[in-house]
N, C-alpha and C. Protein backbone atom coordinates (compact mmCIF):
# COMPACT_ATOMS: atom_id res chain seq x y z
N UNK A 1 114.81 108.77 78.52
CA UNK A 1 114.51 107.09 78.00
C UNK A 1 114.30 107.32 79.93
N UNK A 2 114.88 107.73 81.11
CA UNK A 2 113.97 107.58 82.49
C UNK A 2 113.17 108.24 82.30
N UNK A 3 112.59 108.89 82.18
CA UNK A 3 110.79 109.67 82.46
C UNK A 3 110.43 108.61 81.40
N UNK A 4 110.47 108.26 80.34
CA UNK A 4 109.75 107.18 79.23
C UNK A 4 109.35 106.32 80.40
N UNK A 5 109.87 105.37 81.20
CA UNK A 5 110.24 104.55 81.50
C UNK A 5 109.53 104.68 82.58
N UNK A 6 109.43 105.95 83.83
CA UNK A 6 108.84 105.44 84.88
C UNK A 6 107.53 106.26 84.56
N UNK A 7 107.57 106.98 83.01
CA UNK A 7 105.99 107.04 83.34
C UNK A 7 104.98 105.55 83.03
N UNK A 8 106.07 104.55 82.62
CA UNK A 8 104.75 102.97 82.48
C UNK A 8 105.15 102.56 83.57
N UNK A 9 106.27 102.96 84.25
CA UNK A 9 106.22 102.20 85.42
C UNK A 9 104.99 102.68 86.45
N UNK A 10 104.51 103.69 86.28
CA UNK A 10 103.55 104.80 87.35
C UNK A 10 102.11 103.90 86.83
N UNK A 11 101.93 103.68 85.41
CA UNK A 11 100.82 103.72 85.13
C UNK A 11 101.29 101.94 85.34
N UNK A 12 101.66 101.55 85.68
CA UNK A 12 101.11 100.02 85.70
C UNK A 12 101.37 99.50 86.72
N UNK A 13 102.42 100.84 88.01
CA UNK A 13 101.74 100.52 89.41
C UNK A 13 100.33 101.10 89.69
N UNK A 14 99.21 101.33 88.73
CA UNK A 14 98.36 102.92 88.82
C UNK A 14 97.95 103.88 89.31
N UNK A 15 99.57 104.37 88.75
CA UNK A 15 99.54 106.07 89.69
C UNK A 15 99.34 106.98 88.69
N UNK A 16 99.40 106.19 86.64
CA UNK A 16 99.36 107.34 86.38
C UNK A 16 98.13 108.32 85.90
N UNK A 17 98.62 109.50 85.86
CA UNK A 17 98.04 110.80 86.12
C UNK A 17 98.26 111.04 88.05
N UNK A 18 99.26 110.70 88.17
CA UNK A 18 98.49 110.44 89.77
C UNK A 18 100.30 112.58 90.00
N UNK A 19 101.27 111.92 89.31
CA UNK A 19 102.20 112.46 89.52
C UNK A 19 102.43 112.95 88.44
N UNK A 20 102.77 113.94 87.92
CA UNK A 20 103.92 114.57 87.12
C UNK A 20 105.11 114.43 86.30
N UNK A 21 105.25 113.58 85.30
CA UNK A 21 107.19 113.34 85.07
C UNK A 21 107.06 114.33 83.93
N UNK A 22 108.54 115.09 84.14
CA UNK A 22 109.03 115.20 83.46
C UNK A 22 110.73 115.44 83.36
N UNK A 23 111.23 115.75 82.02
CA UNK A 23 112.52 115.52 81.68
C UNK A 23 113.07 116.66 81.42
N UNK A 24 114.17 116.76 81.68
CA UNK A 24 115.53 118.15 81.25
C UNK A 24 116.76 118.06 81.68
N UNK A 25 117.90 118.08 80.45
CA UNK A 25 118.89 118.28 81.44
C UNK A 25 119.12 119.28 82.03
N UNK A 26 120.83 119.08 82.40
CA UNK A 26 121.10 120.70 83.09
C UNK A 26 122.17 120.97 81.76
N UNK A 27 122.73 120.67 80.90
CA UNK A 27 122.87 121.89 79.99
C UNK A 27 122.69 122.04 78.95
N UNK A 28 122.98 122.75 77.86
CA UNK A 28 122.11 123.24 76.87
C UNK A 28 121.90 122.43 75.44
N UNK A 29 123.00 121.76 75.32
CA UNK A 29 123.55 121.28 74.02
C UNK A 29 122.85 120.27 73.54
N UNK A 30 121.51 119.95 73.85
CA UNK A 30 121.42 119.41 73.36
C UNK A 30 119.24 119.85 72.58
N UNK A 31 119.24 121.17 73.66
CA UNK A 31 117.99 121.68 73.25
C UNK A 31 117.17 121.32 72.36
N UNK A 32 116.11 121.29 72.66
CA UNK A 32 114.60 120.61 70.84
C UNK A 32 114.52 119.40 70.08
N UNK A 33 116.29 118.98 70.41
CA UNK A 33 116.52 117.51 69.84
C UNK A 33 115.39 116.63 70.17
N UNK A 34 115.21 115.70 69.27
CA UNK A 34 114.78 113.84 69.25
C UNK A 34 116.19 113.32 70.16
N UNK A 35 115.36 112.20 70.89
CA UNK A 35 116.23 111.19 71.55
C UNK A 35 116.69 110.58 71.15
N UNK A 36 118.72 110.25 70.96
CA UNK A 36 119.21 110.01 70.53
C UNK A 36 118.56 108.32 69.25
N UNK A 37 119.10 108.00 68.64
CA UNK A 37 118.05 106.71 67.89
C UNK A 37 118.75 105.87 68.46
N UNK A 38 119.71 105.57 69.03
CA UNK A 38 120.22 104.46 69.70
C UNK A 38 119.03 103.91 71.07
N UNK A 39 119.61 105.55 71.52
CA UNK A 39 118.26 105.24 73.23
C UNK A 39 116.82 105.13 72.95
N UNK A 40 116.54 105.59 71.73
CA UNK A 40 114.73 105.63 71.01
C UNK A 40 115.16 103.76 70.79
N UNK A 41 115.56 103.56 70.34
CA UNK A 41 115.60 101.54 70.39
C UNK A 41 116.47 101.14 71.17
N UNK A 42 116.63 101.73 71.90
CA UNK A 42 117.27 100.86 73.86
C UNK A 42 115.68 100.60 74.05
N UNK A 43 114.64 101.77 73.79
CA UNK A 43 113.00 101.65 74.31
C UNK A 43 112.73 101.00 73.83
N UNK A 44 112.33 101.35 72.19
CA UNK A 44 111.54 100.65 71.64
C UNK A 44 112.02 98.70 72.33
N UNK A 45 113.02 98.24 72.31
CA UNK A 45 113.52 97.10 72.55
C UNK A 45 112.81 95.94 73.55
N UNK A 46 112.63 97.20 74.47
CA UNK A 46 111.94 97.04 76.10
C UNK A 46 110.38 97.29 75.69
N UNK A 47 109.81 97.52 74.72
CA UNK A 47 108.08 97.37 74.61
C UNK A 47 107.49 99.68 74.87
N UNK A 48 109.20 99.75 75.45
CA UNK A 48 108.97 101.84 75.08
C UNK A 48 109.26 102.50 74.14
N UNK A 49 107.62 103.85 73.89
CA UNK A 49 107.69 104.73 72.80
C UNK A 49 108.14 106.05 72.95
N UNK A 50 109.99 106.52 72.46
CA UNK A 50 110.25 107.31 72.88
C UNK A 50 110.40 108.42 72.01
N UNK A 51 109.63 108.43 70.25
CA UNK A 51 109.52 109.45 69.84
C UNK A 51 108.99 110.38 70.42
N UNK A 52 107.96 110.74 71.21
CA UNK A 52 107.37 111.90 71.42
C UNK A 52 108.80 113.81 72.20
N UNK A 53 109.47 112.85 72.86
CA UNK A 53 110.97 113.13 73.32
C UNK A 53 111.46 114.26 72.87
N UNK A 54 111.72 115.22 73.24
CA UNK A 54 112.55 116.34 72.89
C UNK A 54 113.52 117.43 73.81
N UNK A 55 114.26 116.73 73.88
CA UNK A 55 115.54 117.60 75.47
C UNK A 55 115.17 119.13 75.58
N UNK A 56 114.64 118.89 76.93
CA UNK A 56 114.74 119.95 77.68
C UNK A 56 116.03 120.79 78.63
N UNK A 57 116.07 122.25 78.99
CA UNK A 57 117.13 122.89 79.86
C UNK A 57 116.58 122.96 81.23
N UNK A 58 117.05 122.23 82.64
CA UNK A 58 116.02 121.85 83.14
C UNK A 58 116.54 123.87 83.95
N UNK A 59 115.68 124.90 84.22
CA UNK A 59 115.23 126.13 84.75
C UNK A 59 115.23 126.35 85.91
N UNK A 60 116.03 126.46 86.84
CA UNK A 60 116.47 127.01 88.30
C UNK A 60 114.71 127.74 88.66
N UNK A 61 113.95 127.65 87.67
CA UNK A 61 112.35 127.78 88.77
C UNK A 61 111.81 127.15 88.68
N UNK A 62 112.36 126.06 88.12
CA UNK A 62 111.40 124.64 88.30
C UNK A 62 111.74 123.86 89.58
N UNK A 63 112.94 124.95 90.34
CA UNK A 63 113.05 124.13 91.97
C UNK A 63 111.67 123.82 92.30
N UNK A 64 111.01 125.39 92.72
CA UNK A 64 110.17 124.88 93.88
C UNK A 64 109.21 124.49 93.20
N UNK A 65 108.91 124.12 91.78
CA UNK A 65 107.92 123.58 91.21
C UNK A 65 107.79 122.06 91.06
N UNK A 66 108.50 121.46 92.03
CA UNK A 66 108.70 119.72 92.01
C UNK A 66 108.86 119.06 93.29
N UNK A 67 107.94 118.41 93.54
CA UNK A 67 108.36 118.10 95.05
C UNK A 67 109.68 117.01 94.75
N UNK A 68 110.39 116.44 93.91
CA UNK A 68 111.47 115.39 93.95
C UNK A 68 112.05 115.46 92.48
N UNK A 69 113.36 115.84 92.77
CA UNK A 69 114.31 116.01 91.58
C UNK A 69 115.32 114.80 91.58
N UNK A 70 114.76 114.09 90.67
CA UNK A 70 116.49 112.67 90.72
C UNK A 70 116.69 113.11 88.97
N UNK A 71 118.58 112.88 89.46
CA UNK A 71 119.86 113.63 88.42
C UNK A 71 120.43 111.77 87.91
N UNK A 72 120.91 112.10 86.83
CA UNK A 72 121.29 110.67 86.91
C UNK A 72 122.42 110.31 87.05
N UNK A 73 123.28 110.98 87.34
CA UNK A 73 124.11 111.28 87.49
C UNK A 73 124.67 112.24 88.59
N UNK A 74 126.01 112.07 89.29
CA UNK A 74 126.88 113.07 90.33
C UNK A 74 126.87 114.35 89.51
N UNK A 75 127.27 114.29 88.08
CA UNK A 75 127.46 115.82 87.71
C UNK A 75 126.15 116.78 87.41
N UNK A 76 125.44 115.85 87.66
CA UNK A 76 124.01 116.55 86.83
C UNK A 76 123.20 116.73 87.90
N UNK A 77 123.50 115.91 89.30
CA UNK A 77 123.42 116.29 90.89
C UNK A 77 123.88 117.36 91.14
N UNK A 78 125.25 117.86 91.30
CA UNK A 78 126.07 118.70 91.72
C UNK A 78 125.30 120.45 90.95
N UNK A 79 124.95 119.85 89.94
CA UNK A 79 124.43 121.22 88.79
C UNK A 79 123.48 121.76 89.73
N UNK A 80 122.87 120.90 89.83
CA UNK A 80 121.31 120.45 90.24
C UNK A 80 121.52 121.35 92.12
N UNK A 81 122.59 120.73 92.67
CA UNK A 81 122.40 121.16 94.00
C UNK A 81 123.25 122.59 93.93
N UNK A 82 123.71 122.90 93.39
CA UNK A 82 124.26 124.15 92.87
C UNK A 82 123.22 125.39 91.98
N UNK A 83 122.06 124.91 91.64
CA UNK A 83 121.30 125.97 90.53
C UNK A 83 120.36 126.05 92.33
N UNK A 84 119.95 125.33 93.12
CA UNK A 84 118.91 125.56 94.07
C UNK A 84 119.91 126.45 95.90
N UNK A 85 121.09 126.66 95.02
CA UNK A 85 121.85 127.50 96.59
C UNK A 85 121.64 127.36 97.75
N UNK A 86 122.15 125.60 98.32
CA UNK A 86 121.81 124.81 99.63
C UNK A 86 120.46 124.35 99.83
N UNK A 87 119.27 125.37 98.90
CA UNK A 87 117.81 125.11 99.34
C UNK A 87 117.83 123.85 99.10
N UNK A 88 116.35 122.60 99.64
CA UNK A 88 116.01 122.09 98.52
C UNK A 88 116.69 121.12 98.40
N UNK A 89 117.92 120.49 99.06
CA UNK A 89 118.89 119.37 99.52
C UNK A 89 118.53 118.13 99.63
N UNK A 90 117.20 118.27 100.20
CA UNK A 90 116.47 116.95 100.25
C UNK A 90 115.98 116.42 99.74
N UNK A 91 115.52 117.14 98.04
CA UNK A 91 114.36 117.17 97.22
C UNK A 91 115.56 116.09 96.06
N UNK A 92 116.20 117.09 96.16
CA UNK A 92 117.43 116.63 95.10
C UNK A 92 118.56 115.82 95.30
N UNK A 93 118.18 114.63 94.66
CA UNK A 93 118.59 112.88 94.23
C UNK A 93 119.11 112.43 93.55
N UNK A 94 119.97 111.18 93.47
CA UNK A 94 120.01 110.47 92.47
C UNK A 94 119.15 109.52 92.78
N UNK A 95 118.69 109.25 90.77
CA UNK A 95 117.76 108.71 89.99
C UNK A 95 117.87 107.20 90.17
N UNK A 96 119.31 106.55 91.13
CA UNK A 96 119.52 105.12 91.67
C UNK A 96 119.36 104.94 92.95
N UNK A 97 118.86 106.43 93.74
CA UNK A 97 118.38 105.68 94.83
C UNK A 97 117.34 105.33 94.71
N UNK A 98 116.33 106.20 94.19
CA UNK A 98 114.96 105.69 94.13
C UNK A 98 114.11 104.33 93.42
N UNK A 99 115.94 103.87 92.77
CA UNK A 99 115.37 102.73 92.03
C UNK A 99 115.39 100.99 92.54
N UNK A 100 115.07 100.03 92.46
CA UNK A 100 115.30 98.61 93.01
C UNK A 100 116.67 98.54 93.40
N UNK A 101 117.37 98.06 93.97
CA UNK A 101 118.83 97.41 94.59
C UNK A 101 119.58 97.08 93.57
N UNK A 102 119.08 96.67 92.93
CA UNK A 102 119.28 95.38 91.50
C UNK A 102 119.69 96.32 90.96
N UNK A 103 118.94 97.51 90.96
CA UNK A 103 119.06 98.45 89.15
C UNK A 103 119.92 99.46 89.38
N UNK A 104 120.26 99.24 91.33
CA UNK A 104 120.97 100.68 91.78
C UNK A 104 122.38 100.53 90.97
N UNK A 105 123.09 99.88 90.17
CA UNK A 105 124.79 99.67 90.19
C UNK A 105 124.72 100.04 89.04
N UNK A 106 123.26 99.55 87.82
CA UNK A 106 123.40 99.20 86.53
C UNK A 106 123.66 100.58 86.41
N UNK A 107 124.72 100.27 84.78
CA UNK A 107 124.67 101.99 84.07
C UNK A 107 123.75 102.31 83.78
N UNK A 108 124.02 103.30 83.35
CA UNK A 108 122.50 105.07 82.51
C UNK A 108 122.86 104.52 81.46
N UNK A 109 122.80 104.01 80.73
CA UNK A 109 122.81 104.08 79.15
C UNK A 109 121.81 105.80 77.98
N UNK A 110 123.51 106.14 77.46
CA UNK A 110 123.64 106.71 77.02
C UNK A 110 122.98 107.17 75.62
N UNK A 111 123.38 108.12 74.58
CA UNK A 111 123.80 107.69 73.34
C UNK A 111 124.61 106.84 72.88
N UNK A 112 124.03 105.96 71.70
CA UNK A 112 124.69 104.93 71.54
C UNK A 112 125.20 103.60 72.66
N UNK A 113 124.02 103.63 73.85
CA UNK A 113 124.02 102.95 74.68
C UNK A 113 125.41 102.95 75.60
N UNK A 114 126.13 104.52 75.03
CA UNK A 114 127.31 104.51 76.74
C UNK A 114 127.01 105.28 77.49
N UNK A 115 127.97 105.43 78.68
CA UNK A 115 127.01 105.99 79.64
C UNK A 115 126.94 107.44 79.72
N UNK A 116 127.06 108.37 79.70
CA UNK A 116 127.38 109.76 79.20
C UNK A 116 126.77 111.15 80.04
N UNK A 117 127.12 111.31 80.85
CA UNK A 117 126.35 112.08 81.61
C UNK A 117 125.94 113.80 80.46
N UNK A 118 126.32 113.42 79.47
CA UNK A 118 125.94 114.62 78.29
C UNK A 118 124.15 114.76 78.23
N UNK A 119 124.73 112.87 78.43
CA UNK A 119 123.26 112.71 77.48
C UNK A 119 122.22 112.00 78.51
N UNK A 120 122.95 112.11 79.34
CA UNK A 120 121.26 112.22 81.24
C UNK A 120 121.37 112.48 81.15
N UNK A 121 119.44 112.45 81.83
CA UNK A 121 118.98 114.54 82.00
C UNK A 121 118.78 113.80 83.54
N UNK A 122 117.92 115.58 83.84
CA UNK A 122 116.84 115.41 84.85
C UNK A 122 115.46 114.77 85.31
N UNK A 123 115.09 114.22 86.20
CA UNK A 123 114.12 113.71 86.20
C UNK A 123 112.98 114.46 86.78
N UNK A 124 111.88 114.95 87.21
CA UNK A 124 111.07 115.43 88.37
C UNK A 124 109.34 114.87 88.60
N UNK A 125 109.20 114.86 90.00
CA UNK A 125 108.11 114.58 89.60
C UNK A 125 107.33 115.37 90.70
N UNK A 126 106.38 115.75 90.42
CA UNK A 126 105.25 116.60 91.31
C UNK A 126 103.87 116.10 90.73
N UNK A 127 102.93 116.03 92.42
CA UNK A 127 101.77 115.75 92.22
C UNK A 127 101.06 116.85 91.41
N UNK A 128 99.74 115.74 90.43
CA UNK A 128 98.84 116.55 90.69
C UNK A 128 98.35 117.69 91.15
N UNK A 129 97.66 118.56 91.08
CA UNK A 129 96.56 119.07 92.40
C UNK A 129 95.65 119.40 91.59
């Protein structure tokens, strides 16, 4: 969900194409799956299309390729920082730290509207070269 919304927000801000945004989970249990139908419906109700999304697992090799890595929750943040082995901690942050103040305390919906680390993903951005 975050990837889809972030892409739309960047496009609205005139930054479409200025950064590459992608999404991956820290676990492998949904790799290859389409977005949860409830999450896709929630996006559609806000004018976003999540139908092309397929789950991927974050790879440690990606750490060096991304300028910013946003984790959706504390568990994913800890997993990413563990992968980084003490390096690049300043580039690995909670997604809410980048949100507007009003959105920072809002739960991030997962499958069927539940907040769940199993359905949250990481979202990373890097400038286009």
